[in-house]
Amino acid sequence: MGALWIANVHVTDEESYGKYAALATGAITAHGGVFLARAGRYKQLEGNDRARNVVARFPSLEDAEACYNSPQYQEALSHARGAAERDLVIVEEV
């Protein structure tokens, strides 16, 4: 069963976050992730408004979690810390 990786982000340091995005892309694709949405147009209807919204589909929840815990993604994440306010959830598809 597939899973969706959903991130809502407010970037506070574009340069550092750009380094994160470049490295994270490789980690996500290496774990079978495919981007469905990436910082495109959106309409906030409820909750906190964060201008960068990312959705990636993974083959399974386990693959998405393995990506997050991988050394490659953790290296990418070191550039996002302090450079953005983020929420990230992995949701299994039905």
PDB file of N, CA and C in Angstrom:
ATOM      1  N   MET A   1       0.846  -1.168   0.000  1.00  0.00           N
ATOM      2  CA  MET A   1       0.000   0.000   0.000  1.00  0.00           C
ATOM      3  C   MET A   1       0.897   1.240   0.000  1.00  0.00           C
ATOM      4  N   GLY A   2       0.623   2.195  -0.875  1.00  0.00           N
ATOM      5  CA  GLY A   2       1.423   3.407  -0.992  1.00  0.00           C
ATOM      6  C   GLY A   2       1.234   4.349   0.186  1.00  0.00           C
ATOM      7  N   ALA A   3       2.099   5.338   0.236  1.00  0.00           N
ATOM      8  CA  ALA A   3       2.029   6.329   1.310  1.00  0.00           C
ATOM      9  C   ALA A   3       2.377   7.700   0.754  1.00  0.00           C
ATOM     10  N   LEU A   4       1.783   8.725   1.347  1.00  0.00           N
ATOM     11  CA  LEU A   4       2.054  10.104   0.961  1.00  0.00           C
ATOM     12  C   LEU A   4       2.868  10.795   2.038  1.00  0.00           C
ATOM     13  N   TRP A   5       3.911  11.479   1.634  1.00  0.00           N
ATOM     14  CA  TRP A   5       4.774  12.293   2.485  1.00  0.00           C
ATOM     15  C   TRP A   5       4.298  13.714   2.241  1.00  0.00           C
ATOM     16  N   ILE A   6       3.762  14.355   3.264  1.00  0.00           N
ATOM     17  CA  ILE A   6       3.177  15.680   3.116  1.00  0.00           C
ATOM     18  C   ILE A   6       3.910  16.654   4.022  1.00  0.00           C
ATOM     19  N   ALA A   7       4.501  17.671   3.419  1.00  0.00           N
ATOM     20  CA  ALA A   7       5.244  18.678   4.173  1.00  0.00           C
ATOM     21  C   ALA A   7       4.645  20.053   3.922  1.00  0.00           C
ATOM     22  N   ASN A   8       4.491  20.813   4.982  1.00  0.00           N
ATOM     23  CA  ASN A   8       4.052  22.206   4.912  1.00  0.00           C
ATOM     24  C   ASN A   8       5.167  23.031   5.525  1.00  0.00           C
ATOM     25  N   VAL A   9       5.683  23.998   4.756  1.00  0.00           N
ATOM     26  CA  VAL A   9       6.927  24.655   5.140  1.00  0.00           C
ATOM     27  C   VAL A   9       6.842  26.168   4.988  1.00  0.00           C
ATOM     28  N   HIS A  10       7.391  26.863   5.975  1.00  0.00           N
ATOM     29  CA  HIS A  10       7.637  28.310   5.883  1.00  0.00           C
ATOM     30  C   HIS A  10       9.147  28.482   5.918  1.00  0.00           C
ATOM     31  N   VAL A  11       9.724  28.892   4.795  1.00  0.00           N
ATOM     32  CA  VAL A  11      11.176  29.031   4.675  1.00  0.00           C
ATOM     33  C   VAL A  11      11.609  30.372   5.256  1.00  0.00           C
ATOM     34  N   THR A  12      12.637  30.334   6.120  1.00  0.00           N
ATOM     35  CA  THR A  12      13.173  31.550   6.726  1.00  0.00           C
ATOM     36  C   THR A  12      14.584  31.865   6.237  1.00  0.00           C
ATOM     37  N   ASP A  13      15.248  30.896   5.611  1.00  0.00           N
ATOM     38  CA  ASP A  13      16.599  31.089   5.063  1.00  0.00           C
ATOM     39  C   ASP A  13      16.652  30.365   3.725  1.00  0.00           C
ATOM     40  N   GLU A  14      16.426  31.118   2.643  1.00  0.00           N
ATOM     41  CA  GLU A  14      16.333  30.528   1.299  1.00  0.00           C
ATOM     42  C   GLU A  14      17.603  29.780   0.887  1.00  0.00           C
ATOM     43  N   GLU A  15      18.769  30.317   1.202  1.00  0.00           N
ATOM     44  CA  GLU A  15      20.025  29.695   0.785  1.00  0.00           C
ATOM     45  C   GLU A  15      20.207  28.315   1.440  1.00  0.00           C
ATOM     46  N   SER A  16      20.057  28.269   2.752  1.00  0.00           N
ATOM     47  CA  SER A  16      20.208  26.979   3.451  1.00  0.00           C
ATOM     48  C   SER A  16      19.121  25.996   3.032  1.00  0.00           C
ATOM     49  N   TYR A  17      17.900  26.495   2.873  1.00  0.00           N
ATOM     50  CA  TYR A  17      16.811  25.596   2.498  1.00  0.00           C
ATOM     51  C   TYR A  17      17.006  25.075   1.074  1.00  0.00           C
ATOM     52  N   GLY A  18      17.613  25.870   0.226  1.00  0.00           N
ATOM     53  CA  GLY A  18      17.933  25.408  -1.123  1.00  0.00           C
ATOM     54  C   GLY A  18      18.889  24.233  -1.102  1.00  0.00           C
ATOM     55  N   LYS A  19      19.866  24.264  -0.186  1.00  0.00           N
ATOM     56  CA  LYS A  19      20.790  23.131  -0.029  1.00  0.00           C
ATOM     57  C   LYS A  19      20.024  21.900   0.434  1.00  0.00           C
ATOM     58  N   TYR A  20      19.103  22.094   1.388  1.00  0.00           N
ATOM     59  CA  TYR A  20      18.267  20.985   1.849  1.00  0.00           C
ATOM     60  C   TYR A  20      17.502  20.378   0.670  1.00  0.00           C
ATOM     61  N   ALA A  21      16.822  21.234  -0.097  1.00  0.00           N
ATOM     62  CA  ALA A  21      15.968  20.748  -1.187  1.00  0.00           C
ATOM     63  C   ALA A  21      16.763  19.950  -2.212  1.00  0.00           C
ATOM     64  N   ALA A  22      17.955  20.420  -2.545  1.00  0.00           N
ATOM     65  CA  ALA A  22      18.782  19.715  -3.533  1.00  0.00           C
ATOM     66  C   ALA A  22      19.158  18.327  -3.032  1.00  0.00           C
ATOM     67  N   LEU A  23      19.573  18.214  -1.771  1.00  0.00           N
ATOM     68  CA  LEU A  23      19.962  16.917  -1.215  1.00  0.00           C
ATOM     69  C   LEU A  23      18.748  16.027  -0.952  1.00  0.00           C
ATOM     70  N   ALA A  24      17.663  16.616  -0.480  1.00  0.00           N
ATOM     71  CA  ALA A  24      16.462  15.834  -0.155  1.00  0.00           C
ATOM     72  C   ALA A  24      15.869  15.191  -1.397  1.00  0.00           C
ATOM     73  N   THR A  25      15.923  15.886  -2.512  1.00  0.00           N
ATOM     74  CA  THR A  25      15.378  15.339  -3.763  1.00  0.00           C
ATOM     75  C   THR A  25      16.025  13.995  -4.085  1.00  0.00           C
ATOM     76  N   GLY A  26      17.340  13.929  -3.969  1.00  0.00           N
ATOM     77  CA  GLY A  26      18.043  12.672  -4.241  1.00  0.00           C
ATOM     78  C   GLY A  26      17.662  11.571  -3.282  1.00  0.00           C
ATOM     79  N   ALA A  27      17.530  11.913  -2.008  1.00  0.00           N
ATOM     80  CA  ALA A  27      17.151  10.911  -1.005  1.00  0.00           C
ATOM     81  C   ALA A  27      15.746  10.388  -1.258  1.00  0.00           C
ATOM     82  N   ILE A  28      14.849  11.281  -1.575  1.00  0.00           N
ATOM     83  CA  ILE A  28      13.449  10.885  -1.802  1.00  0.00           C
ATOM     84  C   ILE A  28      13.338   9.986  -3.027  1.00  0.00           C
ATOM     85  N   THR A  29      13.953  10.373  -4.127  1.00  0.00           N
ATOM     86  CA  THR A  29      13.869   9.545  -5.332  1.00  0.00           C
ATOM     87  C   THR A  29      14.596   8.206  -5.140  1.00  0.00           C
ATOM     88  N   ALA A  30      15.685   8.199  -4.367  1.00  0.00           N
ATOM     89  CA  ALA A  30      16.412   6.950  -4.109  1.00  0.00           C
ATOM     90  C   ALA A  30      15.579   5.942  -3.335  1.00  0.00           C
ATOM     91  N   HIS A  31      14.581   6.415  -2.607  1.00  0.00           N
ATOM     92  CA  HIS A  31      13.712   5.529  -1.836  1.00  0.00           C
ATOM     93  C   HIS A  31      12.364   5.298  -2.522  1.00  0.00           C
ATOM     94  N   GLY A  32      12.306   5.577  -3.816  1.00  0.00           N
ATOM     95  CA  GLY A  32      11.093   5.308  -4.583  1.00  0.00           C
ATOM     96  C   GLY A  32      10.072   6.412  -4.536  1.00  0.00           C
ATOM     97  N   GLY A  33      10.413   7.563  -3.961  1.00  0.00           N
ATOM     98  CA  GLY A  33       9.479   8.681  -3.874  1.00  0.00           C
ATOM     99  C   GLY A  33       9.329   9.407  -5.200  1.00  0.00           C
ATOM    100  N   VAL A  34       8.105   9.812  -5.482  1.00  0.00           N
ATOM    101  CA  VAL A  34       7.774  10.576  -6.688  1.00  0.00           C
ATOM    102  C   VAL A  34       7.013  11.813  -6.238  1.00  0.00           C
ATOM    103  N   PHE A  35       7.468  12.989  -6.668  1.00  0.00           N
ATOM    104  CA  PHE A  35       6.799  14.231  -6.274  1.00  0.00           C
ATOM    105  C   PHE A  35       5.481  14.395  -7.017  1.00  0.00           C
ATOM    106  N   LEU A  36       4.418  14.685  -6.259  1.00  0.00           N
ATOM    107  CA  LEU A  36       3.105  14.969  -6.824  1.00  0.00           C
ATOM    108  C   LEU A  36       2.813  16.464  -6.793  1.00  0.00           C
ATOM    109  N   ALA A  37       3.359  17.147  -5.794  1.00  0.00           N
ATOM    110  CA  ALA A  37       3.213  18.605  -5.669  1.00  0.00           C
ATOM    111  C   ALA A  37       4.479  19.124  -5.007  1.00  0.00           C
ATOM    112  N   ARG A  38       4.916  20.288  -5.486  1.00  0.00           N
ATOM    113  CA  ARG A  38       6.157  20.835  -4.941  1.00  0.00           C
ATOM    114  C   ARG A  38       6.147  22.350  -5.108  1.00  0.00           C
ATOM    115  N   ALA A  39       5.656  23.023  -4.060  1.00  0.00           N
ATOM    116  CA  ALA A  39       5.681  24.488  -4.003  1.00  0.00           C
ATOM    117  C   ALA A  39       4.887  25.153  -5.121  1.00  0.00           C
ATOM    118  N   GLY A  40       3.862  24.496  -5.607  1.00  0.00           N
ATOM    119  CA  GLY A  40       3.021  25.086  -6.646  1.00  0.00           C
ATOM    120  C   GLY A  40       1.928  25.957  -6.052  1.00  0.00           C
ATOM    121  N   ARG A  41       1.013  26.329  -6.884  1.00  0.00           N
ATOM    122  CA  ARG A  41      -0.122  27.151  -6.442  1.00  0.00           C
ATOM    123  C   ARG A  41      -0.934  26.384  -5.416  1.00  0.00           C
ATOM    124  N   TYR A  42      -1.506  27.116  -4.466  1.00  0.00           N
ATOM    125  CA  TYR A  42      -2.327  26.492  -3.437  1.00  0.00           C
ATOM    126  C   TYR A  42      -3.325  27.511  -2.909  1.00  0.00           C
ATOM    127  N   LYS A  43      -4.313  27.023  -2.196  1.00  0.00           N
ATOM    128  CA  LYS A  43      -5.303  27.874  -1.527  1.00  0.00           C
ATOM    129  C   LYS A  43      -5.438  27.360  -0.108  1.00  0.00           C
ATOM    130  N   GLN A  44      -5.077  28.177   0.870  1.00  0.00           N
ATOM    131  CA  GLN A  44      -5.183  27.804   2.290  1.00  0.00           C
ATOM    132  C   GLN A  44      -6.633  27.958   2.728  1.00  0.00           C
ATOM    133  N   LEU A  45      -7.242  26.892   3.194  1.00  0.00           N
ATOM    134  CA  LEU A  45      -8.640  26.933   3.632  1.00  0.00           C
ATOM    135  C   LEU A  45      -8.776  26.886   5.143  1.00  0.00           C
ATOM    136  N   GLU A  46      -7.882  26.188   5.823  1.00  0.00           N
ATOM    137  CA  GLU A  46      -7.914  26.098   7.284  1.00  0.00           C
ATOM    138  C   GLU A  46      -6.486  25.945   7.796  1.00  0.00           C
ATOM    139  N   GLY A  47      -6.286  26.241   9.069  1.00  0.00           N
ATOM    140  CA  GLY A  47      -5.007  25.999   9.717  1.00  0.00           C
ATOM    141  C   GLY A  47      -3.952  27.029   9.365  1.00  0.00           C
ATOM    142  N   ASN A  48      -2.699  26.644   9.614  1.00  0.00           N
ATOM    143  CA  ASN A  48      -1.559  27.538   9.416  1.00  0.00           C
ATOM    144  C   ASN A  48      -1.190  27.642   7.946  1.00  0.00           C
ATOM    145  N   ASP A  49      -1.005  28.865   7.483  1.00  0.00           N
ATOM    146  CA  ASP A  49      -0.622  29.105   6.095  1.00  0.00           C
ATOM    147  C   ASP A  49       0.886  29.016   5.963  1.00  0.00           C
ATOM    148  N   ARG A  50       1.352  28.078   5.174  1.00  0.00           N
ATOM    149  CA  ARG A  50       2.774  27.934   4.871  1.00  0.00           C
ATOM    150  C   ARG A  50       2.901  27.830   3.363  1.00  0.00           C
ATOM    151  N   ALA A  51       3.691  28.697   2.801  1.00  0.00           N
ATOM    152  CA  ALA A  51       3.718  28.878   1.347  1.00  0.00           C
ATOM    153  C   ALA A  51       4.319  27.716   0.567  1.00  0.00           C
ATOM    154  N   ARG A  52       5.092  26.875   1.202  1.00  0.00           N
ATOM    155  CA  ARG A  52       5.708  25.754   0.476  1.00  0.00           C
ATOM    156  C   ARG A  52       5.036  24.463   0.936  1.00  0.00           C
ATOM    157  N   ASN A  53       4.391  23.795   0.000  1.00  0.00           N
ATOM    158  CA  ASN A  53       3.688  22.548   0.281  1.00  0.00           C
ATOM    159  C   ASN A  53       4.219  21.481  -0.667  1.00  0.00           C
ATOM    160  N   VAL A  54       4.607  20.346  -0.083  1.00  0.00           N
ATOM    161  CA  VAL A  54       5.219  19.274  -0.873  1.00  0.00           C
ATOM    162  C   VAL A  54       4.491  17.967  -0.582  1.00  0.00           C
ATOM    163  N   VAL A  55       4.163  17.244  -1.647  1.00  0.00           N
ATOM    164  CA  VAL A  55       3.562  15.918  -1.511  1.00  0.00           C
ATOM    165  C   VAL A  55       4.360  14.966  -2.396  1.00  0.00           C
ATOM    166  N   ALA A  56       4.826  13.887  -1.802  1.00  0.00           N
ATOM    167  CA  ALA A  56       5.523  12.840  -2.553  1.00  0.00           C
ATOM    168  C   ALA A  56       4.859  11.506  -2.236  1.00  0.00           C
ATOM    169  N   ARG A  57       4.760  10.661  -3.244  1.00  0.00           N
ATOM    170  CA  ARG A  57       4.204   9.313  -3.056  1.00  0.00           C
ATOM    171  C   ARG A  57       5.357   8.319  -2.993  1.00  0.00           C
ATOM    172  N   PHE A  58       5.267   7.430  -1.997  1.00  0.00           N
ATOM    173  CA  PHE A  58       6.247   6.351  -1.824  1.00  0.00           C
ATOM    174  C   PHE A  58       5.532   5.017  -2.002  1.00  0.00           C
ATOM    175  N   PRO A  59       6.274   3.967  -2.338  1.00  0.00           N
ATOM    176  CA  PRO A  59       5.659   2.647  -2.483  1.00  0.00           C
ATOM    177  C   PRO A  59       4.971   2.159  -1.202  1.00  0.00           C
ATOM    178  N   SER A  60       5.493   2.569  -0.036  1.00  0.00           N
ATOM    179  CA  SER A  60       4.899   2.138   1.235  1.00  0.00           C
ATOM    180  C   SER A  60       5.251   3.139   2.327  1.00  0.00           C
ATOM    181  N   LEU A  61       4.542   3.061   3.435  1.00  0.00           N
ATOM    182  CA  LEU A  61       4.853   3.885   4.598  1.00  0.00           C
ATOM    183  C   LEU A  61       6.271   3.573   5.083  1.00  0.00           C
ATOM    184  N   GLU A  62       6.650   2.319   5.030  1.00  0.00           N
ATOM    185  CA  GLU A  62       7.974   1.909   5.470  1.00  0.00           C
ATOM    186  C   GLU A  62       9.079   2.518   4.593  1.00  0.00           C
ATOM    187  N   ASP A  63       8.831   2.594   3.278  1.00  0.00           N
ATOM    188  CA  ASP A  63       9.810   3.217   2.385  1.00  0.00           C
ATOM    189  C   ASP A  63       9.964   4.704   2.701  1.00  0.00           C
ATOM    190  N   ALA A  64       8.857   5.381   2.971  1.00  0.00           N
ATOM    191  CA  ALA A  64       8.908   6.804   3.300  1.00  0.00           C
ATOM    192  C   ALA A  64       9.646   7.026   4.616  1.00  0.00           C
ATOM    193  N   GLU A  65       9.380   6.181   5.589  1.00  0.00           N
ATOM    194  CA  GLU A  65      10.052   6.303   6.884  1.00  0.00           C
ATOM    195  C   GLU A  65      11.543   5.977   6.755  1.00  0.00           C
ATOM    196  N   ALA A  66      11.866   4.974   5.945  1.00  0.00           N
ATOM    197  CA  ALA A  66      13.280   4.639   5.712  1.00  0.00           C
ATOM    198  C   ALA A  66      14.002   5.803   5.043  1.00  0.00           C
ATOM    199  N   CYS A  67      13.324   6.484   4.142  1.00  0.00           N
ATOM    200  CA  CYS A  67      13.905   7.666   3.511  1.00  0.00           C
ATOM    201  C   CYS A  67      14.227   8.712   4.568  1.00  0.00           C
ATOM    202  N   TYR A  68      13.245   9.023   5.418  1.00  0.00           N
ATOM    203  CA  TYR A  68      13.440  10.044   6.449  1.00  0.00           C
ATOM    204  C   TYR A  68      14.627   9.700   7.346  1.00  0.00           C
ATOM    205  N   ASN A  69      14.772   8.449   7.700  1.00  0.00           N
ATOM    206  CA  ASN A  69      15.829   8.020   8.618  1.00  0.00           C
ATOM    207  C   ASN A  69      17.170   7.749   7.935  1.00  0.00           C
ATOM    208  N   SER A  70      17.214   7.822   6.610  1.00  0.00           N
ATOM    209  CA  SER A  70      18.439   7.507   5.882  1.00  0.00           C
ATOM    210  C   SER A  70      19.517   8.571   6.122  1.00  0.00           C
ATOM    211  N   PRO A  71      20.782   8.166   6.063  1.00  0.00           N
ATOM    212  CA  PRO A  71      21.871   9.127   6.213  1.00  0.00           C
ATOM    213  C   PRO A  71      21.792  10.270   5.192  1.00  0.00           C
ATOM    214  N   GLN A  72      21.396   9.953   3.957  1.00  0.00           N
ATOM    215  CA  GLN A  72      21.308  10.980   2.912  1.00  0.00           C
ATOM    216  C   GLN A  72      20.260  12.037   3.264  1.00  0.00           C
ATOM    217  N   TYR A  73      19.083  11.602   3.729  1.00  0.00           N
ATOM    218  CA  TYR A  73      18.048  12.578   4.074  1.00  0.00           C
ATOM    219  C   TYR A  73      18.421  13.340   5.341  1.00  0.00           C
ATOM    220  N   GLN A  74      19.012  12.667   6.307  1.00  0.00           N
ATOM    221  CA  GLN A  74      19.418  13.343   7.544  1.00  0.00           C
ATOM    222  C   GLN A  74      20.469  14.415   7.261  1.00  0.00           C
ATOM    223  N   GLU A  75      21.349  14.158   6.301  1.00  0.00           N
ATOM    224  CA  GLU A  75      22.309  15.187   5.885  1.00  0.00           C
ATOM    225  C   GLU A  75      21.560  16.382   5.288  1.00  0.00           C
ATOM    226  N   ALA A  76      20.589  16.111   4.433  1.00  0.00           N
ATOM    227  CA  ALA A  76      19.778  17.192   3.855  1.00  0.00           C
ATOM    228  C   ALA A  76      19.067  17.971   4.958  1.00  0.00           C
ATOM    229  N   LEU A  77      18.495  17.239   5.891  1.00  0.00           N
ATOM    230  CA  LEU A  77      17.721  17.863   6.966  1.00  0.00           C
ATOM    231  C   LEU A  77      18.573  18.795   7.822  1.00  0.00           C
ATOM    232  N   SER A  78      19.862  18.533   7.910  1.00  0.00           N
ATOM    233  CA  SER A  78      20.733  19.417   8.696  1.00  0.00           C
ATOM    234  C   SER A  78      20.740  20.837   8.129  1.00  0.00           C
ATOM    235  N   HIS A  79      20.449  20.988   6.838  1.00  0.00           N
ATOM    236  CA  HIS A  79      20.381  22.312   6.220  1.00  0.00           C
ATOM    237  C   HIS A  79      19.022  22.978   6.436  1.00  0.00           C
ATOM    238  N   ALA A  80      17.990  22.193   6.687  1.00  0.00           N
ATOM    239  CA  ALA A  80      16.649  22.741   6.903  1.00  0.00           C
ATOM    240  C   ALA A  80      16.454  23.231   8.335  1.00  0.00           C
ATOM    241  N   ARG A  81      17.162  22.607   9.274  1.00  0.00           N
ATOM    242  CA  ARG A  81      17.021  23.017  10.675  1.00  0.00           C
ATOM    243  C   ARG A  81      17.498  24.450  10.829  1.00  0.00           C
ATOM    244  N   GLY A  82      16.655  25.291  11.380  1.00  0.00           N
ATOM    245  CA  GLY A  82      16.989  26.694  11.540  1.00  0.00           C
ATOM    246  C   GLY A  82      16.725  27.516  10.293  1.00  0.00           C
ATOM    247  N   ALA A  83      16.381  26.870   9.187  1.00  0.00           N
ATOM    248  CA  ALA A  83      16.129  27.566   7.931  1.00  0.00           C
ATOM    249  C   ALA A  83      14.658  27.540   7.540  1.00  0.00           C
ATOM    250  N   ALA A  84      13.846  26.857   8.364  1.00  0.00           N
ATOM    251  CA  ALA A  84      12.430  26.730   8.026  1.00  0.00           C
ATOM    252  C   ALA A  84      11.626  26.256   9.227  1.00  0.00           C
ATOM    253  N   GLU A  85      10.342  26.593   9.208  1.00  0.00           N
ATOM    254  CA  GLU A  85       9.366  26.013  10.133  1.00  0.00           C
ATOM    255  C   GLU A  85       8.625  24.974   9.309  1.00  0.00           C
ATOM    256  N   ARG A  86       8.608  23.725   9.795  1.00  0.00           N
ATOM    257  CA  ARG A  86       8.081  22.624   8.984  1.00  0.00           C
ATOM    258  C   ARG A  86       7.147  21.728   9.777  1.00  0.00           C
ATOM    259  N   ASP A  87       6.188  21.197   9.079  1.00  0.00           N
ATOM    260  CA  ASP A  87       5.385  20.075   9.564  1.00  0.00           C
ATOM    261  C   ASP A  87       5.533  18.994   8.502  1.00  0.00           C
ATOM    262  N   LEU A  88       5.717  17.756   8.939  1.00  0.00           N
ATOM    263  CA  LEU A  88       5.870  16.645   8.003  1.00  0.00           C
ATOM    264  C   LEU A  88       5.102  15.449   8.551  1.00  0.00           C
ATOM    265  N   VAL A  89       4.286  14.854   7.708  1.00  0.00           N
ATOM    266  CA  VAL A  89       3.529  13.669   8.097  1.00  0.00           C
ATOM    267  C   VAL A  89       3.600  12.670   6.940  1.00  0.00           C
ATOM    268  N   ILE A  90       3.599  11.394   7.274  1.00  0.00           N
ATOM    269  CA  ILE A  90       3.490  10.322   6.289  1.00  0.00           C
ATOM    270  C   ILE A  90       2.132   9.661   6.515  1.00  0.00           C
ATOM    271  N   VAL A  91       1.361   9.558   5.439  1.00  0.00           N
ATOM    272  CA  VAL A  91       0.004   9.011   5.532  1.00  0.00           C
ATOM    273  C   VAL A  91      -0.140   7.852   4.558  1.00  0.00           C
ATOM    274  N   GLU A  92      -0.573   6.700   5.075  1.00  0.00           N
ATOM    275  CA  GLU A  92      -0.794   5.540   4.200  1.00  0.00           C
ATOM    276  C   GLU A  92      -2.028   5.766   3.351  1.00  0.00           C
ATOM    277  N   GLU A  93      -1.925   5.431   2.073  1.00  0.00           N
ATOM    278  CA  GLU A  93      -3.057   5.571   1.161  1.00  0.00           C
ATOM    279  C   GLU A  93      -4.079   4.446   1.416  1.00  0.00           C
ATOM    280  N   VAL A  94      -5.300   4.692   1.000  1.00  0.00           N
ATOM    281  CA  VAL A  94      -6.340   3.678   1.146  1.00  0.00           C
ATOM    282  C   VAL A  94      -6.632   3.043  -0.188  1.00  0.00           C
TER     283      VAL A  94
END
